[in-house]
């Protein structure tokens, strides 16, 4: 099964990195979900949660604000001024 390579980065450190089966992020336009094979996207983050589902089914949640989310070639990168795992 295909997986996403995910990195959540705050201004001063990497919050989390690993593989996931899906990612949902809040953007200024609303929530958007990403699965393996998603088309390239660059979107501005809105204040809110980034929800990551691991291949095992476990879920991680990070608060993130003031940044962007980028998706390309099954790689999801969330860069935020402030981010932390909940």
C-alpha atoms as a PDB file:
ATOM      1  CA  UNK A   1       0.000   0.000   0.000  1.00  0.00           C
ATOM      2  CA  UNK A   2       1.287   3.451  -0.904  1.00  0.00           C
ATOM      3  CA  UNK A   3       2.199   5.840   1.887  1.00  0.00           C
ATOM      4  CA  UNK A   4       2.873   9.529   2.338  1.00  0.00           C
ATOM      5  CA  UNK A   5       6.154  10.892   3.650  1.00  0.00           C
ATOM      6  CA  UNK A   6       5.140  13.605   6.096  1.00  0.00           C
ATOM      7  CA  UNK A   7       7.101  16.334   7.845  1.00  0.00           C
ATOM      8  CA  UNK A   8       5.622  18.891  10.249  1.00  0.00           C
ATOM      9  CA  UNK A   9       8.076  21.702  10.919  1.00  0.00           C
ATOM     10  CA  UNK A  10       7.827  24.676  13.270  1.00  0.00           C
ATOM     11  CA  UNK A  11       9.935  27.804  12.873  1.00  0.00           C
ATOM     12  CA  UNK A  12      12.632  26.469  15.190  1.00  0.00           C
ATOM     13  CA  UNK A  13      12.377  22.658  15.094  1.00  0.00           C
ATOM     14  CA  UNK A  14      10.920  19.582  13.426  1.00  0.00           C
ATOM     15  CA  UNK A  15       7.735  18.605  15.262  1.00  0.00           C
ATOM     16  CA  UNK A  16       7.176  15.210  13.621  1.00  0.00           C
ATOM     17  CA  UNK A  17       8.310  13.249  10.578  1.00  0.00           C
ATOM     18  CA  UNK A  18       7.362   9.808   9.327  1.00  0.00           C
ATOM     19  CA  UNK A  19       5.032   7.889   7.050  1.00  0.00           C
ATOM     20  CA  UNK A  20       1.264   8.205   6.996  1.00  0.00           C
ATOM     21  CA  UNK A  21      -1.730   6.861   5.121  1.00  0.00           C
ATOM     22  CA  UNK A  22      -3.533  10.244   5.146  1.00  0.00           C
ATOM     23  CA  UNK A  23      -3.175  13.864   6.252  1.00  0.00           C
ATOM     24  CA  UNK A  24      -5.905  16.460   6.806  1.00  0.00           C
ATOM     25  CA  UNK A  25      -4.941  20.129   7.226  1.00  0.00           C
ATOM     26  CA  UNK A  26      -6.903  23.336   7.754  1.00  0.00           C
ATOM     27  CA  UNK A  27      -6.124  25.973   5.145  1.00  0.00           C
ATOM     28  CA  UNK A  28      -7.455  29.483   4.696  1.00  0.00           C
ATOM     29  CA  UNK A  29      -9.924  27.980   2.178  1.00  0.00           C
ATOM     30  CA  UNK A  30     -11.104  25.161   4.500  1.00  0.00           C
ATOM     31  CA  UNK A  31      -9.954  21.650   5.320  1.00  0.00           C
ATOM     32  CA  UNK A  32      -8.173  19.570   2.710  1.00  0.00           C
ATOM     33  CA  UNK A  33      -7.221  15.906   2.872  1.00  0.00           C
ATOM     34  CA  UNK A  34      -4.298  14.177   1.212  1.00  0.00           C
ATOM     35  CA  UNK A  35      -3.898  10.519   0.248  1.00  0.00           C
ATOM     36  CA  UNK A  36      -1.082   8.844  -1.672  1.00  0.00           C
ATOM     37  CA  UNK A  37      -1.163   9.895  -5.328  1.00  0.00           C
ATOM     38  CA  UNK A  38      -2.604  13.354  -4.603  1.00  0.00           C
ATOM     39  CA  UNK A  39      -1.968  16.061  -7.174  1.00  0.00           C
ATOM     40  CA  UNK A  40       0.632  18.715  -6.227  1.00  0.00           C
ATOM     41  CA  UNK A  41      -0.752  21.403  -3.902  1.00  0.00           C
ATOM     42  CA  UNK A  42       0.597  24.504  -2.199  1.00  0.00           C
ATOM     43  CA  UNK A  43      -1.844  26.077   0.279  1.00  0.00           C
ATOM     44  CA  UNK A  44      -1.718  28.635   3.094  1.00  0.00           C
ATOM     45  CA  UNK A  45      -2.398  27.157   6.527  1.00  0.00           C
ATOM     46  CA  UNK A  46      -5.230  28.482   8.619  1.00  0.00           C
ATOM     47  CA  UNK A  47      -4.987  28.232  12.407  1.00  0.00           C
ATOM     48  CA  UNK A  48      -6.109  24.753  13.387  1.00  0.00           C
ATOM     49  CA  UNK A  49      -5.193  21.122  13.460  1.00  0.00           C
ATOM     50  CA  UNK A  50      -3.212  18.900  11.146  1.00  0.00           C
ATOM     51  CA  UNK A  51      -4.528  15.344  11.545  1.00  0.00           C
ATOM     52  CA  UNK A  52      -2.196  12.521  10.531  1.00  0.00           C
ATOM     53  CA  UNK A  53      -3.290   8.901  10.223  1.00  0.00           C
ATOM     54  CA  UNK A  54      -0.382   6.478  10.469  1.00  0.00           C
ATOM     55  CA  UNK A  55      -0.269   3.248   8.421  1.00  0.00           C
ATOM     56  CA  UNK A  56      -1.117   1.351  11.648  1.00  0.00           C
ATOM     57  CA  UNK A  57      -4.338   3.381  12.015  1.00  0.00           C
ATOM     58  CA  UNK A  58      -3.011   5.403  14.948  1.00  0.00           C
ATOM     59  CA  UNK A  59      -3.840   9.109  14.729  1.00  0.00           C
ATOM     60  CA  UNK A  60      -1.608  12.077  15.547  1.00  0.00           C
ATOM     61  CA  UNK A  61      -2.798  15.664  15.879  1.00  0.00           C
ATOM     62  CA  UNK A  62      -0.665  18.794  15.662  1.00  0.00           C
ATOM     63  CA  UNK A  63      -1.755  22.387  16.127  1.00  0.00           C
ATOM     64  CA  UNK A  64      -0.272  24.586  13.418  1.00  0.00           C
ATOM     65  CA  UNK A  65      -0.673  28.200  12.352  1.00  0.00           C
ATOM     66  CA  UNK A  66       0.836  30.811  10.056  1.00  0.00           C
ATOM     67  CA  UNK A  67       2.517  28.769   7.365  1.00  0.00           C
ATOM     68  CA  UNK A  68       1.834  26.539   4.392  1.00  0.00           C
ATOM     69  CA  UNK A  69       1.284  22.946   3.369  1.00  0.00           C
ATOM     70  CA  UNK A  70       2.970  21.529   0.283  1.00  0.00           C
ATOM     71  CA  UNK A  71       2.234  18.210  -1.419  1.00  0.00           C
ATOM     72  CA  UNK A  72       4.273  16.708  -4.228  1.00  0.00           C
ATOM     73  CA  UNK A  73       5.243  13.127  -5.152  1.00  0.00           C
ATOM     74  CA  UNK A  74       3.592  11.617  -2.023  1.00  0.00           C
ATOM     75  CA  UNK A  75       5.515  14.024   0.218  1.00  0.00           C
ATOM     76  CA  UNK A  76       3.505  16.296   2.518  1.00  0.00           C
ATOM     77  CA  UNK A  77       5.382  19.140   4.178  1.00  0.00           C
ATOM     78  CA  UNK A  78       3.716  21.378   6.757  1.00  0.00           C
ATOM     79  CA  UNK A  79       5.748  24.475   7.630  1.00  0.00           C
ATOM     80  CA  UNK A  80       4.325  26.681  10.380  1.00  0.00           C
ATOM     81  CA  UNK A  81       5.450  29.616  12.478  1.00  0.00           C
ATOM     82  CA  UNK A  82       4.124  27.713  15.481  1.00  0.00           C
ATOM     83  CA  UNK A  83       3.369  23.983  15.600  1.00  0.00           C
ATOM     84  CA  UNK A  84       3.157  21.379  18.329  1.00  0.00           C
ATOM     85  CA  UNK A  85       1.792  17.877  18.820  1.00  0.00           C
ATOM     86  CA  UNK A  86      -1.394  17.696  20.873  1.00  0.00           C
END
